[in-house]
Structure formats: structure tokens, C-alpha cells
Amino acid sequence: MFSTIARIIKYGILDFKRNAWLSTATIAILTLTLIVFAGLYLFNIFTNTVITSVQNKIDISVYFKNDTAEDEILRIQSMLKTMPEVKEVEYISKDSALATFKEKHQSDQTITNALDQLDSNPLLASLNIKAHNTDEYSIIAAYLNNDSIAPFVSNVTYSQNATVIDRLGKILKTSKEGGIALTIFMALITFFITFNTIRLAIYSSRENITIMRLVGGSNFFIRGPFLVEAALYGIFATIVSMLIIAPILYFISPYSNVLVPELNIWAFFMHNILTLVIYQLLIGIGLGLISSFFAMRRYLRQ
């Protein structure tokens, strides 16, 4: 058994070397495919980071009437925290709101002088509420209208931001669905291109296959070298794709950091390079083996 496997590996390597131009063409196609898949993977990470960043900046604020007791606001905060749609609820007291306002406008002398002349704090206490998903803000806003909360509320900012929140939710949903559709589309194209390329390699060796069939070669022994050859395509394509991807990411990383400061794409790549290489190998070798398996069926049925 070990002798047979060794011979299959040997013949697979010999075929790989013998069909140098065809091997190069196949590796080139697989390399382009792996680069596309890596691009989709990194684009998905980039998109998710952007989505998370935008979602973290979205919230709705509930401003309470000036005579609302702090204990009542804290009670409402506790009620909101029990909602499954609510991710976080931050209480901002009147004093905290005033301190933040002063710090933000400390360079504006007109506003500073106006605040110094006031006898009382004009700002209202509030709760800033973040949801897990943008489509859940409407549920939270509806909850704020119930009889146990509405009498204490002066204003809810959701009505002003509803259009923006809904539009963002649709954009995020469309981008995710589009990414999935593009991935499936590329997988199908890659399969058929690789299938036809490997089928051409098998066709060029059809006489050798016929001879092996005549001398009693088993399907395993006939298919084995082509599977080894297909695996080599995937391994070399992975190496070449990583050698191309790495300098590209290093070059564009400073520009991507400007767009999304939360994601250093080069640091992410270096931290996850082993995972990406494994994915590339699985895709490259997997596509090669599957394509080779189906391409060989015609000749093994003869």
C-alpha cells in the first residue's frame, strides 16, 4: 500500500513537471481565483468593521422633563436594560451634560459667558440607548411611548433620525447579501475554469490512461497522480497568491487606515496570516481535487 502511494506521488510530481506550461497556466488561474477569494475575505472584514463602527455611532437619546427625579430615570434605565434589543444604556445627568457642553464649547467665549450668567442648569438629563441592530431602534422607540415612561419624557431623538437609521439598515443588509452572492458566483466560475483546465491536462494524458487501463490499473492508481498534480496546483497557487497579496496590503494599509481607523489591514493580515494561508490551501487544493475528480469520471467509465 505504501509502495503504491509512493509511486502515485512520484508519477503525480513527474506529470506536474512534464506538463510545465499547462501546470503554469493552471497555477495562474488558481492564483487569480485565490486572490479574488482573499480579496472577498478581507473586504468582508473591512465591511464588518465599517458596519460596526457606524452602528457604534448610532443611538437614540431620551431627554427627560426637568422635574423628573433621578431615581425615576434610573428605574427607566433598568427597564430598558431588560429588553433583548438593547445593547447598552448610558445615563447622562444634567451636571454631566453641562460639563460636556462646556468642554466642547470652551473656545467659544460667547457661549461661555452666556452659561456663566445663567442661574440654573438649562440642560436635561438623558439616556443614550444603543441597539444590537439598526432595525431594532423602532422597537425601542415604541417601548418608550408606554404609559410608565412617556409621562416623564420630554423628547426622543428617534423620530429625527428614523430615516437615516432605516436607510443605513437597508444598506447594511444589501451589502451583506451582495457579498454572499458574489462569493457564490466566484466559486462557481472558479470551479468551471479549474475543471476545464484540469480536464485539458487529463486529455493530454489520455493515451497513458488507456494504457494503464489495459494493463489492469485500478481507478485509484489511475486517478491518484492527477489528484497529486491537482494538489500541487493548489499549493503553488497559494504560495504565489500570498506573495502577491502581502505587498499589495502593505502598500494600501496607510490609505485604508485613513478611511477606517479601527482597522489596520496590514496588522490584521500579519496577525491572521496563518488562518488565511490555511483558507487558501483548502480552497486551492479543494478546487483542484474536486475538479480533477469530476474531470476523471469520463475516462474511468470507459
Protein backbone atom coordinates (compact mmCIF):
# COMPACT_ATOMS: atom_id res chain seq x y z
CA MET A 1 0.00 0.00 0.00
CA PHE A 2 2.76 2.44 0.96
CA SER A 3 4.67 1.50 -2.18
CA THR A 4 1.60 2.23 -4.32
CA ILE A 5 1.04 5.61 -2.65
CA ALA A 6 4.73 6.48 -3.13
CA ARG A 7 4.52 5.63 -6.84
CA ILE A 8 1.32 7.68 -7.22
CA ILE A 9 3.02 10.70 -5.62
CA LYS A 10 6.10 10.17 -7.81
CA TYR A 11 4.03 9.97 -11.02
CA GLY A 12 2.00 12.98 -9.97
CA ILE A 13 5.16 15.08 -9.49
CA LEU A 14 6.57 13.82 -12.81
CA ASP A 15 3.34 14.77 -14.61
CA PHE A 16 3.43 18.15 -12.93
CA LYS A 17 6.96 18.75 -14.25
CA ARG A 18 6.29 17.21 -17.66
CA ASN A 19 3.30 19.46 -18.33
CA ALA A 20 5.18 22.60 -17.33
CA TRP A 21 3.25 25.07 -19.48
CA LEU A 22 -0.11 23.56 -18.62
CA SER A 23 0.83 23.48 -14.94
CA THR A 24 1.86 27.14 -15.12
CA ALA A 25 -1.44 28.09 -16.77
CA THR A 26 -3.45 26.15 -14.18
CA ILE A 27 -1.49 27.68 -11.29
CA ALA A 28 -2.03 31.15 -12.78
CA ILE A 29 -5.80 30.63 -12.94
CA LEU A 30 -5.94 29.22 -9.42
CA THR A 31 -3.74 32.08 -8.20
CA LEU A 32 -6.15 34.66 -9.61
CA THR A 33 -9.02 32.76 -8.02
CA LEU A 34 -7.32 32.67 -4.62
CA ILE A 35 -6.52 36.38 -4.84
CA VAL A 36 -10.21 37.07 -5.52
CA PHE A 37 -11.28 34.90 -2.58
CA ALA A 38 -8.71 36.57 -0.32
CA GLY A 39 -9.98 39.94 -1.51
CA LEU A 40 -13.55 38.92 -0.68
CA TYR A 41 -12.45 37.68 2.74
CA LEU A 42 -10.59 40.90 3.54
CA PHE A 43 -13.39 43.00 2.06
CA ASN A 44 -15.84 41.22 4.36
CA ILE A 45 -13.61 42.03 7.35
CA PHE A 46 -13.31 45.64 6.15
CA THR A 47 -17.08 45.94 5.62
CA ASN A 48 -17.91 44.41 9.01
CA THR A 49 -15.50 46.84 10.69
CA VAL A 50 -17.14 49.78 8.92
CA ILE A 51 -20.60 48.48 9.84
CA THR A 52 -19.62 48.03 13.48
CA SER A 53 -18.03 51.49 13.56
CA VAL A 54 -21.15 53.12 12.09
CA GLN A 55 -23.50 51.17 14.34
CA ASN A 56 -21.50 52.24 17.41
CA LYS A 57 -22.03 55.86 16.42
CA ILE A 58 -25.80 55.44 16.10
CA ASP A 59 -28.06 55.70 19.11
CA ILE A 60 -31.30 57.30 20.23
CA SER A 61 -31.44 59.73 23.11
CA VAL A 62 -34.29 60.12 25.57
CA TYR A 63 -34.46 63.55 27.24
CA PHE A 64 -36.46 63.77 30.45
CA LYS A 65 -38.54 66.62 31.78
CA ASN A 66 -36.76 69.00 34.10
CA ASP A 67 -38.71 67.90 37.18
CA THR A 68 -38.11 64.17 36.67
CA ALA A 69 -36.37 62.63 39.71
CA GLU A 70 -33.07 60.85 39.16
CA ASP A 71 -34.45 57.69 40.79
CA GLU A 72 -37.20 57.61 38.16
CA ILE A 73 -34.66 57.91 35.33
CA LEU A 74 -32.57 55.09 36.81
CA ARG A 75 -35.72 52.96 37.07
CA ILE A 76 -36.41 53.51 33.38
CA GLN A 77 -32.77 52.72 32.61
CA SER A 78 -33.13 49.38 34.40
CA MET A 79 -36.33 48.63 32.47
CA LEU A 80 -34.60 49.32 29.16
CA LYS A 81 -31.67 47.07 30.03
CA THR A 82 -34.05 44.11 30.28
CA MET A 83 -35.05 44.49 26.62
CA PRO A 84 -33.32 41.94 24.32
CA GLU A 85 -32.98 44.61 21.62
CA VAL A 86 -30.97 46.95 23.86
CA LYS A 87 -27.20 46.62 23.80
CA GLU A 88 -26.28 49.49 26.10
CA VAL A 89 -27.97 52.29 28.06
CA GLU A 90 -25.92 55.24 29.30
CA TYR A 91 -27.30 57.70 31.84
CA ILE A 92 -26.17 61.31 31.42
CA SER A 93 -27.13 63.55 34.30
CA LYS A 94 -27.82 67.24 33.95
CA ASP A 95 -24.47 68.11 35.54
CA SER A 96 -22.57 65.72 33.25
CA ALA A 97 -24.37 67.12 30.20
CA LEU A 98 -23.44 70.67 31.23
CA ALA A 99 -19.79 69.74 31.87
CA THR A 100 -19.55 68.07 28.45
CA PHE A 101 -21.21 71.04 26.77
CA LYS A 102 -18.79 73.50 28.43
CA GLU A 103 -15.78 71.40 27.44
CA LYS A 104 -16.97 71.16 23.84
CA HIS A 105 -17.50 74.94 23.55
CA GLN A 106 -14.72 76.17 25.82
CA SER A 107 -13.12 78.08 22.92
CA ASP A 108 -16.35 79.98 22.23
CA GLN A 109 -16.30 82.91 24.62
CA THR A 110 -19.87 83.99 23.79
CA ILE A 111 -21.34 80.64 24.86
CA THR A 112 -19.12 80.54 27.94
CA ASN A 113 -20.26 83.99 29.08
CA ALA A 114 -23.90 83.11 28.44
CA LEU A 115 -23.64 79.99 30.61
CA ASP A 116 -21.98 81.94 33.44
CA GLN A 117 -24.93 84.32 33.57
CA LEU A 118 -27.49 81.55 33.99
CA ASP A 119 -28.82 80.85 37.47
CA SER A 120 -29.61 77.18 36.75
CA ASN A 121 -28.60 74.33 34.50
CA PRO A 122 -30.68 74.58 31.28
CA LEU A 123 -29.80 71.09 30.03
CA LEU A 124 -31.90 67.99 30.57
CA ALA A 125 -30.91 64.58 31.88
CA SER A 126 -30.96 61.88 29.24
CA LEU A 127 -30.43 58.22 28.39
CA ASN A 128 -28.38 57.26 25.34
CA ILE A 129 -29.56 53.90 24.03
CA LYS A 130 -27.69 51.60 21.61
CA ALA A 131 -29.35 48.62 19.95
CA HIS A 132 -27.74 45.42 18.70
CA ASN A 133 -29.06 46.07 15.17
CA THR A 134 -30.30 49.17 13.41
CA ASP A 135 -33.72 47.65 12.68
CA GLU A 136 -34.36 47.32 16.43
CA TYR A 137 -34.43 51.06 17.15
CA SER A 138 -38.07 51.30 16.07
CA ILE A 139 -38.99 48.67 18.70
CA ILE A 140 -37.13 50.61 21.40
CA ALA A 141 -38.75 53.88 20.33
CA ALA A 142 -42.19 52.28 20.52
CA TYR A 143 -41.42 50.95 24.00
CA LEU A 144 -40.56 54.47 25.16
CA ASN A 145 -44.14 55.52 24.41
CA ASN A 146 -45.67 53.20 27.03
CA ASP A 147 -47.57 54.72 29.96
CA SER A 148 -44.85 54.05 32.53
CA ILE A 149 -42.23 56.08 30.62
CA ALA A 150 -43.98 58.61 28.35
CA PRO A 151 -45.14 61.00 31.15
CA PHE A 152 -41.52 61.68 32.12
CA VAL A 153 -40.12 62.08 28.61
CA SER A 154 -39.53 65.49 27.06
CA ASN A 155 -38.12 64.34 23.73
CA VAL A 156 -36.92 61.21 21.90
CA THR A 157 -34.46 61.73 19.05
CA TYR A 158 -35.53 58.63 17.10
CA SER A 159 -38.14 60.48 15.04
CA GLN A 160 -35.45 62.86 13.73
CA ASN A 161 -33.04 60.01 12.93
CA ALA A 162 -35.54 57.35 11.82
CA THR A 163 -34.97 57.90 8.08
CA VAL A 164 -31.18 57.75 8.42
CA ILE A 165 -31.31 54.66 10.64
CA ASP A 166 -33.72 52.82 8.33
CA ARG A 167 -31.66 53.72 5.26
CA LEU A 168 -28.46 52.54 6.94
CA GLY A 169 -30.12 49.27 7.89
CA LYS A 170 -31.10 48.65 4.25
CA ILE A 171 -27.57 49.47 3.04
CA LEU A 172 -26.00 47.08 5.54
CA LYS A 173 -28.43 44.30 4.63
CA THR A 174 -27.84 44.80 0.90
CA SER A 175 -24.04 44.80 1.32
CA LYS A 176 -24.12 41.52 3.24
CA GLU A 177 -26.43 39.84 0.71
CA GLY A 178 -24.31 41.19 -2.16
CA GLY A 179 -21.13 39.81 -0.59
CA ILE A 180 -22.68 36.35 -0.22
CA ALA A 181 -23.97 36.39 -3.81
CA LEU A 182 -20.58 37.50 -5.15
CA THR A 183 -18.80 34.75 -3.21
CA ILE A 184 -21.12 32.06 -4.59
CA PHE A 185 -20.78 33.46 -8.10
CA MET A 186 -16.97 33.46 -7.92
CA ALA A 187 -16.95 29.92 -6.51
CA LEU A 188 -18.98 28.64 -9.47
CA ILE A 189 -16.82 30.44 -12.04
CA THR A 190 -13.66 29.17 -10.36
CA PHE A 191 -14.92 25.60 -10.30
CA PHE A 192 -15.74 25.56 -14.02
CA ILE A 193 -12.48 27.25 -15.05
CA THR A 194 -10.40 24.89 -12.91
CA PHE A 195 -12.46 21.92 -14.05
CA ASN A 196 -11.84 22.67 -17.73
CA THR A 197 -8.15 23.41 -17.18
CA ILE A 198 -7.51 20.15 -15.34
CA ARG A 199 -9.68 18.31 -17.85
CA LEU A 200 -7.34 19.58 -20.57
CA ALA A 201 -4.37 18.21 -18.62
CA ILE A 202 -6.11 14.84 -18.33
CA TYR A 203 -6.99 14.90 -22.03
CA SER A 204 -3.32 15.38 -22.94
CA SER A 205 -2.56 12.20 -20.94
CA ARG A 206 -5.47 10.17 -22.32
CA GLU A 207 -3.14 7.66 -24.04
CA ASN A 208 -1.35 6.95 -20.75
CA ILE A 209 -4.72 6.44 -19.06
CA THR A 210 -5.78 3.98 -21.79
CA ILE A 211 -2.54 2.01 -21.40
CA MET A 212 -2.95 1.84 -17.61
CA ARG A 213 -6.49 0.62 -18.09
CA LEU A 214 -5.32 -2.10 -20.48
CA VAL A 215 -2.67 -3.42 -18.10
CA GLY A 216 -5.23 -3.62 -15.28
CA GLY A 217 -4.54 -0.39 -13.40
CA SER A 218 -7.13 0.36 -10.72
CA ASN A 219 -9.19 3.53 -10.70
CA PHE A 220 -7.32 4.62 -7.57
CA PHE A 221 -3.93 4.18 -9.26
CA ILE A 222 -5.08 5.99 -12.42
CA ARG A 223 -6.74 8.86 -10.58
CA GLY A 224 -4.03 9.22 -7.93
CA PRO A 225 -1.33 11.05 -9.95
CA PHE A 226 -3.87 13.58 -11.22
CA LEU A 227 -5.07 14.21 -7.68
CA VAL A 228 -1.46 14.74 -6.57
CA GLU A 229 -0.94 17.06 -9.52
CA ALA A 230 -4.13 18.98 -8.62
CA ALA A 231 -2.94 19.29 -5.01
CA LEU A 232 0.37 20.70 -6.23
CA TYR A 233 -1.53 23.28 -8.27
CA GLY A 234 -3.29 24.40 -5.09
CA ILE A 235 -0.09 24.53 -3.02
CA PHE A 236 1.88 26.56 -5.57
CA ALA A 237 -1.11 28.82 -6.26
CA THR A 238 -1.37 29.54 -2.53
CA ILE A 239 2.32 30.47 -2.33
CA VAL A 240 2.14 32.74 -5.37
CA SER A 241 -1.13 34.39 -4.23
CA MET A 242 0.30 35.19 -0.80
CA LEU A 243 3.45 36.65 -2.40
CA ILE A 244 1.20 38.94 -4.45
CA ILE A 245 -1.31 39.81 -1.70
CA ALA A 246 1.26 40.72 1.00
CA PRO A 247 2.95 43.68 -0.75
CA ILE A 248 -0.41 44.99 -2.02
CA LEU A 249 -1.84 45.06 1.52
CA TYR A 250 1.37 46.64 2.86
CA PHE A 251 1.06 49.40 0.26
CA ILE A 252 -2.66 50.16 0.74
CA SER A 253 -2.67 49.82 4.54
CA PRO A 254 -1.88 53.52 5.27
CA TYR A 255 -4.72 54.61 2.98
CA SER A 256 -7.23 52.16 4.48
CA ASN A 257 -6.32 53.40 7.96
CA VAL A 258 -7.48 56.87 6.92
CA LEU A 259 -10.88 55.50 5.87
CA VAL A 260 -11.31 53.10 8.79
CA PRO A 261 -9.03 53.97 11.74
CA GLU A 262 -10.40 50.99 13.69
CA LEU A 263 -8.81 48.54 11.23
CA ASN A 264 -5.10 48.30 10.44
CA ILE A 265 -5.34 45.96 7.47
CA TRP A 266 -1.60 45.13 7.42
CA ALA A 267 -1.54 44.33 11.14
CA PHE A 268 -4.69 42.24 10.70
CA PHE A 269 -3.10 40.38 7.79
CA MET A 270 0.10 39.61 9.73
CA HIS A 271 -1.87 38.54 12.81
CA ASN A 272 -4.11 36.22 10.78
CA ILE A 273 -1.67 35.15 8.06
CA LEU A 274 -1.70 31.50 9.18
CA THR A 275 -5.51 31.39 9.04
CA LEU A 276 -5.53 32.99 5.60
CA VAL A 277 -2.90 30.54 4.31
CA ILE A 278 -4.97 27.61 5.58
CA TYR A 279 -8.08 29.00 3.87
CA GLN A 280 -6.11 29.49 0.66
CA LEU A 281 -4.77 25.94 0.79
CA LEU A 282 -8.20 24.48 1.49
CA ILE A 283 -9.75 26.40 -1.39
CA GLY A 284 -6.88 25.85 -3.83
CA ILE A 285 -6.34 22.16 -3.12
CA GLY A 286 -10.07 21.54 -2.67
CA LEU A 287 -10.98 23.10 -6.02
CA GLY A 288 -8.16 21.18 -7.71
CA LEU A 289 -9.14 17.84 -6.20
CA ILE A 290 -12.87 18.25 -6.82
CA SER A 291 -12.34 19.44 -10.38
CA SER A 292 -9.89 16.62 -11.06
CA PHE A 293 -12.25 14.04 -9.56
CA PHE A 294 -15.16 15.06 -11.80
CA ALA A 295 -12.96 15.51 -14.86
CA MET A 296 -11.60 11.96 -14.46
CA ARG A 297 -15.02 10.31 -14.30
CA ARG A 298 -15.39 10.26 -18.09
CA TYR A 299 -12.15 8.35 -18.61
CA LEU A 300 -12.66 5.94 -15.74
CA ARG A 301 -16.06 4.90 -17.13
CA GLN A 302 -14.54 3.85 -20.46
